[in-house]
Amino acid sequence: MPTDTTGHADWIQAALQRYEGPLVRYATRFVGDPERARDVVQDTFLKLCTAERRAIEDRLAPWLYTVCRNRALDIRDKEGRMGSLHVVRDEAVQSGGAGPEARAAMGEAQRTVVEVLGTLPADQQEAFCLKFQDQLSYREIGEVMGVSLGTVSNLITAALGELREQLRAGGHLAQEG
């Protein structure tokens, strides 16, 4: 049976375009260095090139994140970096209409959120970032992290609660009335 190498290559290219940036950011959380993270992502896509497309096509995102996570953890463990995840701040894309004051306020808010996220347990950080930064579903997060949907829900709820509490304590959120 002939293989559709052009179609497979196009599928790989589309996956690369869609997921390379988010996966580099994700891997950087584990290994702490964007260059090593790029190596992790390269390994992830090399594995995708040899994977059976039909077996993973309908769950591509969680498959990529799982492979990336496992590779990043292998590297971190080999280097003896057993610490918590590194929270990575994206370079904020500011809208053209935002003035300097609005950009400064947004930058301060982002710094505060990143600082608070950095205090959370690693599993809460990971679940939170997968949900709100990488926009994975709870089911996909569970698959990536190897935990149940209930655990994903608990991790995200706990992270949001702690984030809310610390932001209120720091005067960054209004108290509930």
N, C-alpha and C. Protein backbone atom coordinates (compact mmCIF):
# COMPACT_ATOMS: atom_id res chain seq x y z
N MET A 1 0.84 -1.17 0.00
CA MET A 1 0.00 0.00 0.00
C MET A 1 0.89 1.24 0.00
N PRO A 2 0.75 2.17 -0.94
CA PRO A 2 1.61 3.34 -1.00
C PRO A 2 1.32 4.29 0.16
N THR A 3 2.37 4.96 0.61
CA THR A 3 2.20 5.92 1.70
C THR A 3 2.12 7.32 1.12
N ASP A 4 1.38 8.15 1.78
CA ASP A 4 1.20 9.53 1.37
C ASP A 4 2.25 10.39 2.07
N THR A 5 3.48 10.37 1.56
CA THR A 5 4.56 11.10 2.23
C THR A 5 4.36 12.60 2.15
N THR A 6 3.78 13.11 1.07
CA THR A 6 3.54 14.55 0.96
C THR A 6 2.51 14.97 1.99
N GLY A 7 1.41 14.22 2.11
CA GLY A 7 0.39 14.53 3.10
C GLY A 7 0.92 14.45 4.52
N HIS A 8 1.76 13.44 4.78
CA HIS A 8 2.35 13.29 6.11
C HIS A 8 3.29 14.47 6.40
N ALA A 9 4.08 14.84 5.44
CA ALA A 9 5.00 15.98 5.61
C ALA A 9 4.22 17.27 5.86
N ASP A 10 3.12 17.45 5.14
CA ASP A 10 2.28 18.65 5.34
C ASP A 10 1.68 18.65 6.74
N TRP A 11 1.26 17.47 7.20
CA TRP A 11 0.69 17.34 8.54
C TRP A 11 1.74 17.68 9.60
N ILE A 12 2.96 17.18 9.42
CA ILE A 12 4.06 17.48 10.35
C ILE A 12 4.35 18.97 10.33
N GLN A 13 4.41 19.56 9.14
CA GLN A 13 4.69 20.99 9.02
C GLN A 13 3.61 21.82 9.71
N ALA A 14 2.35 21.45 9.53
CA ALA A 14 1.24 22.17 10.17
C ALA A 14 1.35 22.05 11.70
N ALA A 15 1.69 20.87 12.19
CA ALA A 15 1.86 20.67 13.62
C ALA A 15 3.02 21.50 14.15
N LEU A 16 4.09 21.54 13.40
CA LEU A 16 5.26 22.32 13.79
C LEU A 16 4.90 23.80 13.89
N GLN A 17 4.21 24.31 12.90
CA GLN A 17 3.82 25.72 12.91
C GLN A 17 2.90 26.04 14.08
N ARG A 18 1.97 25.14 14.38
CA ARG A 18 0.99 25.39 15.44
C ARG A 18 1.57 25.22 16.83
N TYR A 19 2.42 24.21 17.04
CA TYR A 19 2.81 23.83 18.39
C TYR A 19 4.26 24.12 18.78
N GLU A 20 5.11 24.48 17.84
CA GLU A 20 6.53 24.65 18.20
C GLU A 20 6.72 25.70 19.29
N GLY A 21 6.17 26.88 19.12
CA GLY A 21 6.32 27.95 20.12
C GLY A 21 5.77 27.56 21.48
N PRO A 22 4.51 27.11 21.54
CA PRO A 22 3.97 26.71 22.84
C PRO A 22 4.76 25.56 23.49
N LEU A 23 5.26 24.63 22.70
CA LEU A 23 6.03 23.53 23.27
C LEU A 23 7.39 23.99 23.79
N VAL A 24 8.02 24.94 23.11
CA VAL A 24 9.29 25.48 23.61
C VAL A 24 9.05 26.16 24.96
N ARG A 25 7.99 26.95 25.04
CA ARG A 25 7.65 27.62 26.30
C ARG A 25 7.38 26.57 27.38
N TYR A 26 6.64 25.53 27.04
CA TYR A 26 6.30 24.47 27.99
C TYR A 26 7.56 23.75 28.47
N ALA A 27 8.42 23.37 27.56
CA ALA A 27 9.65 22.66 27.92
C ALA A 27 10.58 23.55 28.75
N THR A 28 10.58 24.85 28.47
CA THR A 28 11.43 25.77 29.22
C THR A 28 11.03 25.78 30.69
N ARG A 29 9.76 25.58 30.98
CA ARG A 29 9.31 25.52 32.37
C ARG A 29 10.00 24.39 33.12
N PHE A 30 10.35 23.33 32.42
CA PHE A 30 10.98 22.18 33.07
C PHE A 30 12.49 22.29 33.09
N VAL A 31 13.09 22.69 31.98
CA VAL A 31 14.54 22.66 31.88
C VAL A 31 15.19 24.01 32.19
N GLY A 32 14.40 25.07 32.21
CA GLY A 32 14.90 26.37 32.63
C GLY A 32 15.70 27.13 31.60
N ASP A 33 15.89 26.59 30.42
CA ASP A 33 16.71 27.23 29.42
C ASP A 33 16.07 27.06 28.04
N PRO A 34 15.82 28.17 27.33
CA PRO A 34 15.17 28.06 26.02
C PRO A 34 15.94 27.22 25.00
N GLU A 35 17.25 27.22 25.05
CA GLU A 35 18.03 26.42 24.09
C GLU A 35 17.83 24.93 24.33
N ARG A 36 17.91 24.52 25.59
CA ARG A 36 17.65 23.11 25.91
C ARG A 36 16.21 22.75 25.59
N ALA A 37 15.31 23.71 25.82
CA ALA A 37 13.89 23.47 25.51
C ALA A 37 13.71 23.25 24.01
N ARG A 38 14.42 24.00 23.18
CA ARG A 38 14.33 23.80 21.73
C ARG A 38 14.81 22.39 21.35
N ASP A 39 15.84 21.91 22.02
CA ASP A 39 16.31 20.54 21.77
C ASP A 39 15.23 19.53 22.14
N VAL A 40 14.55 19.76 23.25
CA VAL A 40 13.46 18.88 23.68
C VAL A 40 12.37 18.86 22.63
N VAL A 41 12.01 20.04 22.13
CA VAL A 41 10.94 20.14 21.13
C VAL A 41 11.38 19.50 19.82
N GLN A 42 12.65 19.66 19.46
CA GLN A 42 13.16 19.00 18.25
C GLN A 42 13.02 17.48 18.40
N ASP A 43 13.38 16.95 19.57
CA ASP A 43 13.23 15.52 19.81
C ASP A 43 11.75 15.10 19.71
N THR A 44 10.88 15.96 20.22
CA THR A 44 9.44 15.69 20.18
C THR A 44 8.96 15.57 18.74
N PHE A 45 9.38 16.50 17.88
CA PHE A 45 8.93 16.47 16.49
C PHE A 45 9.61 15.36 15.69
N LEU A 46 10.82 14.99 16.07
CA LEU A 46 11.44 13.83 15.42
C LEU A 46 10.63 12.57 15.73
N LYS A 47 10.16 12.47 16.96
CA LYS A 47 9.32 11.32 17.33
C LYS A 47 8.00 11.37 16.57
N LEU A 48 7.46 12.57 16.37
CA LEU A 48 6.22 12.70 15.61
C LEU A 48 6.41 12.23 14.17
N CYS A 49 7.56 12.50 13.60
CA CYS A 49 7.84 12.10 12.21
C CYS A 49 7.75 10.59 12.02
N THR A 50 8.05 9.84 13.07
CA THR A 50 8.03 8.38 12.95
C THR A 50 6.78 7.76 13.56
N ALA A 51 5.92 8.59 14.13
CA ALA A 51 4.71 8.07 14.77
C ALA A 51 3.66 7.72 13.72
N GLU A 52 2.78 6.84 14.09
CA GLU A 52 1.67 6.43 13.23
C GLU A 52 0.60 7.53 13.30
N ARG A 53 0.44 8.26 12.23
CA ARG A 53 -0.46 9.41 12.20
C ARG A 53 -1.87 9.05 12.62
N ARG A 54 -2.39 7.96 12.11
CA ARG A 54 -3.78 7.57 12.43
C ARG A 54 -3.97 7.32 13.91
N ALA A 55 -2.94 6.89 14.59
CA ALA A 55 -3.06 6.56 16.01
C ALA A 55 -3.10 7.80 16.90
N ILE A 56 -2.58 8.92 16.42
CA ILE A 56 -2.50 10.11 17.28
C ILE A 56 -3.17 11.35 16.72
N GLU A 57 -3.62 11.29 15.49
CA GLU A 57 -4.13 12.49 14.82
C GLU A 57 -5.25 13.17 15.60
N ASP A 58 -6.16 12.40 16.18
CA ASP A 58 -7.29 13.00 16.87
C ASP A 58 -6.95 13.47 18.28
N ARG A 59 -5.73 13.21 18.73
CA ARG A 59 -5.28 13.68 20.04
C ARG A 59 -3.84 14.21 19.95
N LEU A 60 -3.60 14.96 18.89
CA LEU A 60 -2.25 15.45 18.60
C LEU A 60 -1.70 16.33 19.73
N ALA A 61 -2.47 17.30 20.18
CA ALA A 61 -1.96 18.22 21.21
C ALA A 61 -1.52 17.47 22.48
N PRO A 62 -2.38 16.65 23.08
CA PRO A 62 -1.90 15.96 24.29
C PRO A 62 -0.75 15.01 24.02
N TRP A 63 -0.72 14.40 22.83
CA TRP A 63 0.40 13.51 22.49
C TRP A 63 1.71 14.30 22.46
N LEU A 64 1.71 15.45 21.77
CA LEU A 64 2.91 16.28 21.68
C LEU A 64 3.35 16.76 23.06
N TYR A 65 2.40 17.26 23.86
CA TYR A 65 2.75 17.75 25.19
C TYR A 65 3.27 16.63 26.08
N THR A 66 2.70 15.44 25.96
CA THR A 66 3.16 14.32 26.77
C THR A 66 4.58 13.91 26.39
N VAL A 67 4.84 13.79 25.10
CA VAL A 67 6.20 13.44 24.65
C VAL A 67 7.18 14.52 25.08
N CYS A 68 6.81 15.77 24.90
CA CYS A 68 7.66 16.89 25.28
C CYS A 68 7.92 16.88 26.79
N ARG A 69 6.89 16.67 27.57
CA ARG A 69 7.02 16.66 29.03
C ARG A 69 7.96 15.53 29.47
N ASN A 70 7.75 14.34 28.92
CA ASN A 70 8.59 13.21 29.31
C ASN A 70 10.05 13.45 28.96
N ARG A 71 10.30 13.99 27.79
CA ARG A 71 11.69 14.28 27.38
C ARG A 71 12.30 15.36 28.26
N ALA A 72 11.53 16.41 28.55
CA ALA A 72 12.03 17.50 29.40
C ALA A 72 12.33 16.99 30.80
N LEU A 73 11.47 16.14 31.34
CA LEU A 73 11.71 15.58 32.66
C LEU A 73 12.95 14.69 32.67
N ASP A 74 13.15 13.92 31.59
CA ASP A 74 14.36 13.10 31.48
C ASP A 74 15.61 13.98 31.54
N ILE A 75 15.60 15.05 30.78
CA ILE A 75 16.75 15.95 30.76
C ILE A 75 16.95 16.61 32.11
N ARG A 76 15.87 17.11 32.70
CA ARG A 76 15.98 17.76 34.01
C ARG A 76 16.52 16.79 35.05
N ASP A 77 16.03 15.55 35.03
CA ASP A 77 16.48 14.57 36.00
C ASP A 77 17.95 14.22 35.80
N LYS A 78 18.37 14.09 34.55
CA LYS A 78 19.77 13.77 34.26
C LYS A 78 20.69 14.89 34.72
N GLU A 79 20.21 16.12 34.68
CA GLU A 79 21.02 17.26 35.09
C GLU A 79 20.89 17.55 36.57
N GLY A 80 20.08 16.76 37.26
CA GLY A 80 19.93 16.94 38.70
C GLY A 80 19.09 18.14 39.07
N ARG A 81 18.27 18.62 38.16
CA ARG A 81 17.43 19.78 38.43
C ARG A 81 16.07 19.29 38.89
N MET A 82 15.96 18.99 40.16
CA MET A 82 14.72 18.44 40.68
C MET A 82 13.82 19.54 41.26
N GLY A 83 14.14 20.79 41.03
CA GLY A 83 13.36 21.89 41.58
C GLY A 83 12.01 22.02 40.92
N SER A 84 11.32 23.07 41.28
CA SER A 84 9.98 23.29 40.75
C SER A 84 10.05 23.77 39.31
N LEU A 85 8.89 23.84 38.71
CA LEU A 85 8.80 24.35 37.35
C LEU A 85 9.20 25.81 37.32
N HIS A 86 9.73 26.22 36.21
CA HIS A 86 10.05 27.62 36.01
C HIS A 86 8.85 28.26 35.33
N VAL A 87 8.31 29.29 35.92
CA VAL A 87 7.20 29.98 35.28
C VAL A 87 7.80 30.94 34.26
N VAL A 88 7.37 30.79 33.02
CA VAL A 88 7.92 31.59 31.94
C VAL A 88 6.94 32.67 31.57
N ARG A 89 7.43 33.90 31.55
CA ARG A 89 6.59 35.01 31.16
C ARG A 89 6.73 35.23 29.67
N ASP A 90 5.61 35.19 28.98
CA ASP A 90 5.62 35.48 27.55
C ASP A 90 5.93 36.94 27.35
N GLU A 91 6.55 37.22 26.22
CA GLU A 91 6.69 38.61 25.85
C GLU A 91 5.29 39.07 25.49
N ALA A 92 4.80 40.03 26.24
CA ALA A 92 3.42 40.47 26.06
C ALA A 92 3.26 41.16 24.71
N VAL A 93 2.21 40.80 24.03
CA VAL A 93 1.89 41.44 22.77
C VAL A 93 0.89 42.53 23.09
N GLN A 94 1.33 43.75 22.99
CA GLN A 94 0.49 44.88 23.34
C GLN A 94 -0.29 45.34 22.12
N SER A 95 -1.54 45.72 22.36
CA SER A 95 -2.34 46.23 21.26
C SER A 95 -1.83 47.60 20.88
N GLY A 96 -1.98 47.93 19.62
CA GLY A 96 -1.49 49.21 19.12
C GLY A 96 -2.13 50.40 19.80
N GLY A 97 -3.37 50.24 20.33
CA GLY A 97 -4.07 51.36 20.94
C GLY A 97 -3.71 51.60 22.39
N ALA A 98 -3.02 50.70 23.04
CA ALA A 98 -2.70 50.87 24.45
C ALA A 98 -1.59 51.90 24.62
N GLY A 99 -1.83 52.83 25.52
CA GLY A 99 -0.84 53.86 25.80
C GLY A 99 0.21 53.37 26.76
N PRO A 100 1.23 54.19 27.02
CA PRO A 100 2.33 53.79 27.91
C PRO A 100 1.87 53.45 29.32
N GLU A 101 0.90 54.19 29.86
CA GLU A 101 0.41 53.92 31.21
C GLU A 101 -0.29 52.57 31.28
N ALA A 102 -1.12 52.29 30.28
CA ALA A 102 -1.83 51.00 30.24
C ALA A 102 -0.84 49.86 30.10
N ARG A 103 0.19 50.03 29.26
CA ARG A 103 1.20 48.99 29.09
C ARG A 103 1.99 48.77 30.37
N ALA A 104 2.31 49.86 31.08
CA ALA A 104 3.04 49.75 32.34
C ALA A 104 2.21 49.02 33.39
N ALA A 105 0.92 49.36 33.47
CA ALA A 105 0.04 48.69 34.43
C ALA A 105 -0.10 47.21 34.10
N MET A 106 -0.24 46.89 32.81
CA MET A 106 -0.34 45.50 32.39
C MET A 106 0.94 44.76 32.72
N GLY A 107 2.08 45.39 32.49
CA GLY A 107 3.37 44.76 32.80
C GLY A 107 3.49 44.46 34.28
N GLU A 108 3.06 45.39 35.13
CA GLU A 108 3.10 45.20 36.58
C GLU A 108 2.18 44.05 36.99
N ALA A 109 0.98 44.01 36.43
CA ALA A 109 0.03 42.94 36.74
C ALA A 109 0.60 41.58 36.31
N GLN A 110 1.20 41.53 35.12
CA GLN A 110 1.79 40.28 34.65
C GLN A 110 2.93 39.83 35.55
N ARG A 111 3.78 40.77 35.95
CA ARG A 111 4.90 40.42 36.84
C ARG A 111 4.37 39.85 38.16
N THR A 112 3.33 40.48 38.69
CA THR A 112 2.75 40.02 39.96
C THR A 112 2.18 38.61 39.81
N VAL A 113 1.43 38.37 38.74
CA VAL A 113 0.86 37.04 38.52
C VAL A 113 1.97 36.00 38.37
N VAL A 114 3.00 36.32 37.61
CA VAL A 114 4.11 35.38 37.42
C VAL A 114 4.80 35.09 38.76
N GLU A 115 4.99 36.13 39.57
CA GLU A 115 5.61 35.91 40.88
C GLU A 115 4.76 34.99 41.75
N VAL A 116 3.45 35.24 41.76
CA VAL A 116 2.56 34.41 42.57
C VAL A 116 2.54 32.99 42.04
N LEU A 117 2.46 32.82 40.72
CA LEU A 117 2.47 31.48 40.15
C LEU A 117 3.73 30.72 40.54
N GLY A 118 4.83 31.43 40.62
CA GLY A 118 6.10 30.80 40.99
C GLY A 118 6.12 30.24 42.40
N THR A 119 5.16 30.67 43.24
CA THR A 119 5.11 30.16 44.61
C THR A 119 4.25 28.91 44.73
N LEU A 120 3.50 28.58 43.69
CA LEU A 120 2.60 27.43 43.73
C LEU A 120 3.37 26.13 43.59
N PRO A 121 2.81 25.03 44.09
CA PRO A 121 3.43 23.71 43.86
C PRO A 121 3.55 23.44 42.36
N ALA A 122 4.54 22.66 41.98
CA ALA A 122 4.84 22.42 40.56
C ALA A 122 3.65 21.87 39.80
N ASP A 123 2.88 20.94 40.40
CA ASP A 123 1.76 20.37 39.67
C ASP A 123 0.65 21.40 39.43
N GLN A 124 0.45 22.31 40.38
CA GLN A 124 -0.52 23.38 40.17
C GLN A 124 -0.05 24.35 39.08
N GLN A 125 1.23 24.69 39.11
CA GLN A 125 1.79 25.56 38.07
C GLN A 125 1.58 24.95 36.69
N GLU A 126 1.91 23.67 36.58
CA GLU A 126 1.82 23.01 35.29
C GLU A 126 0.39 22.97 34.79
N ALA A 127 -0.55 22.55 35.64
CA ALA A 127 -1.95 22.48 35.23
C ALA A 127 -2.48 23.86 34.85
N PHE A 128 -2.15 24.86 35.66
CA PHE A 128 -2.60 26.23 35.40
C PHE A 128 -2.08 26.73 34.06
N CYS A 129 -0.79 26.55 33.81
CA CYS A 129 -0.19 27.02 32.56
C CYS A 129 -0.72 26.25 31.35
N LEU A 130 -0.90 24.95 31.49
CA LEU A 130 -1.46 24.17 30.38
C LEU A 130 -2.86 24.65 30.03
N LYS A 131 -3.63 25.03 31.05
CA LYS A 131 -5.00 25.49 30.81
C LYS A 131 -5.03 26.91 30.25
N PHE A 132 -4.38 27.83 30.93
CA PHE A 132 -4.56 29.24 30.60
C PHE A 132 -3.52 29.80 29.64
N GLN A 133 -2.37 29.20 29.56
CA GLN A 133 -1.35 29.67 28.63
C GLN A 133 -1.38 28.84 27.35
N ASP A 134 -1.46 27.52 27.51
CA ASP A 134 -1.43 26.64 26.34
C ASP A 134 -2.82 26.26 25.84
N GLN A 135 -3.84 26.60 26.62
CA GLN A 135 -5.24 26.44 26.23
C GLN A 135 -5.65 24.99 25.94
N LEU A 136 -5.12 24.07 26.74
CA LEU A 136 -5.53 22.68 26.62
C LEU A 136 -6.79 22.46 27.45
N SER A 137 -7.58 21.48 27.05
CA SER A 137 -8.78 21.13 27.81
C SER A 137 -8.37 20.35 29.06
N TYR A 138 -9.29 20.22 30.01
CA TYR A 138 -9.01 19.45 31.21
C TYR A 138 -8.65 18.01 30.84
N ARG A 139 -9.35 17.45 29.88
CA ARG A 139 -9.07 16.08 29.46
C ARG A 139 -7.64 15.98 28.89
N GLU A 140 -7.25 16.94 28.07
CA GLU A 140 -5.89 16.94 27.50
C GLU A 140 -4.85 17.12 28.59
N ILE A 141 -5.13 18.00 29.55
CA ILE A 141 -4.19 18.22 30.66
C ILE A 141 -4.03 16.93 31.46
N GLY A 142 -5.14 16.26 31.73
CA GLY A 142 -5.08 14.99 32.45
C GLY A 142 -4.23 13.96 31.72
N GLU A 143 -4.39 13.92 30.40
CA GLU A 143 -3.60 12.98 29.60
C GLU A 143 -2.12 13.33 29.64
N VAL A 144 -1.81 14.61 29.52
CA VAL A 144 -0.41 15.05 29.53
C VAL A 144 0.24 14.76 30.89
N MET A 145 -0.47 15.09 31.96
CA MET A 145 0.10 14.96 33.30
C MET A 145 -0.09 13.56 33.89
N GLY A 146 -0.91 12.74 33.23
CA GLY A 146 -1.15 11.39 33.73
C GLY A 146 -1.99 11.36 34.99
N VAL A 147 -2.98 12.27 35.06
CA VAL A 147 -3.85 12.34 36.23
C VAL A 147 -5.31 12.36 35.76
N SER A 148 -6.22 12.17 36.70
CA SER A 148 -7.65 12.15 36.38
C SER A 148 -8.18 13.56 36.13
N LEU A 149 -9.38 13.62 35.53
CA LEU A 149 -10.03 14.92 35.32
C LEU A 149 -10.29 15.61 36.65
N GLY A 150 -10.68 14.85 37.66
CA GLY A 150 -10.92 15.43 38.98
C GLY A 150 -9.67 16.05 39.55
N THR A 151 -8.54 15.38 39.37
CA THR A 151 -7.28 15.93 39.86
C THR A 151 -6.93 17.21 39.11
N VAL A 152 -7.14 17.23 37.80
CA VAL A 152 -6.88 18.44 37.02
C VAL A 152 -7.75 19.58 37.56
N SER A 153 -9.02 19.31 37.76
CA SER A 153 -9.93 20.31 38.28
C SER A 153 -9.47 20.83 39.64
N ASN A 154 -9.08 19.90 40.51
CA ASN A 154 -8.60 20.29 41.84
C ASN A 154 -7.33 21.13 41.77
N LEU A 155 -6.41 20.76 40.89
CA LEU A 155 -5.16 21.51 40.76
C LEU A 155 -5.42 22.93 40.28
N ILE A 156 -6.26 23.06 39.27
CA ILE A 156 -6.55 24.39 38.71
C ILE A 156 -7.34 25.23 39.71
N THR A 157 -8.31 24.62 40.37
CA THR A 157 -9.10 25.34 41.38
C THR A 157 -8.20 25.83 42.51
N ALA A 158 -7.31 24.97 42.97
CA ALA A 158 -6.38 25.35 44.04
C ALA A 158 -5.45 26.47 43.58
N ALA A 159 -4.95 26.37 42.36
CA ALA A 159 -4.06 27.41 41.83
C ALA A 159 -4.79 28.74 41.73
N LEU A 160 -6.01 28.72 41.21
CA LEU A 160 -6.79 29.96 41.10
C LEU A 160 -7.09 30.54 42.48
N GLY A 161 -7.44 29.68 43.43
CA GLY A 161 -7.72 30.15 44.78
C GLY A 161 -6.50 30.81 45.42
N GLU A 162 -5.35 30.17 45.30
CA GLU A 162 -4.12 30.73 45.87
C GLU A 162 -3.72 32.01 45.16
N LEU A 163 -3.86 32.02 43.84
CA LEU A 163 -3.56 33.22 43.07
C LEU A 163 -4.45 34.37 43.52
N ARG A 164 -5.75 34.11 43.62
CA ARG A 164 -6.70 35.13 44.07
C ARG A 164 -6.35 35.62 45.46
N GLU A 165 -6.08 34.69 46.38
CA GLU A 165 -5.76 35.05 47.76
C GLU A 165 -4.51 35.92 47.85
N GLN A 166 -3.46 35.52 47.15
CA GLN A 166 -2.20 36.28 47.21
C GLN A 166 -2.34 37.65 46.53
N LEU A 167 -3.09 37.70 45.45
CA LEU A 167 -3.29 38.99 44.78
C LEU A 167 -4.11 39.93 45.66
N ARG A 168 -5.12 39.40 46.36
CA ARG A 168 -5.89 40.24 47.29
C ARG A 168 -5.01 40.71 48.44
N ALA A 169 -4.22 39.80 49.01
CA ALA A 169 -3.35 40.15 50.13
C ALA A 169 -2.34 41.23 49.74
N GLY A 170 -1.92 41.21 48.48
CA GLY A 170 -0.98 42.21 48.00
C GLY A 170 -1.64 43.48 47.51
N GLY A 171 -2.97 43.55 47.63
CA GLY A 171 -3.69 44.75 47.22
C GLY A 171 -3.90 44.86 45.72
N HIS A 172 -3.73 43.76 45.00
CA HIS A 172 -3.88 43.79 43.54
C HIS A 172 -5.29 43.44 43.09
N LEU A 173 -6.12 42.92 44.03
CA LEU A 173 -7.52 42.61 43.74
C LEU A 173 -8.37 43.21 44.85
N ALA A 174 -9.57 43.65 44.50
CA ALA A 174 -10.51 44.16 45.49
C ALA A 174 -11.00 43.01 46.37
N GLN A 175 -11.23 43.31 47.63
CA GLN A 175 -11.79 42.32 48.54
C GLN A 175 -13.24 42.04 48.16
N GLU A 176 -13.66 40.76 48.35
CA GLU A 176 -15.05 40.42 48.07
C GLU A 176 -15.93 41.08 49.11
N GLY A 177 -17.11 41.52 48.67
CA GLY A 177 -17.97 42.23 49.60
C GLY A 177 -19.20 41.58 49.85
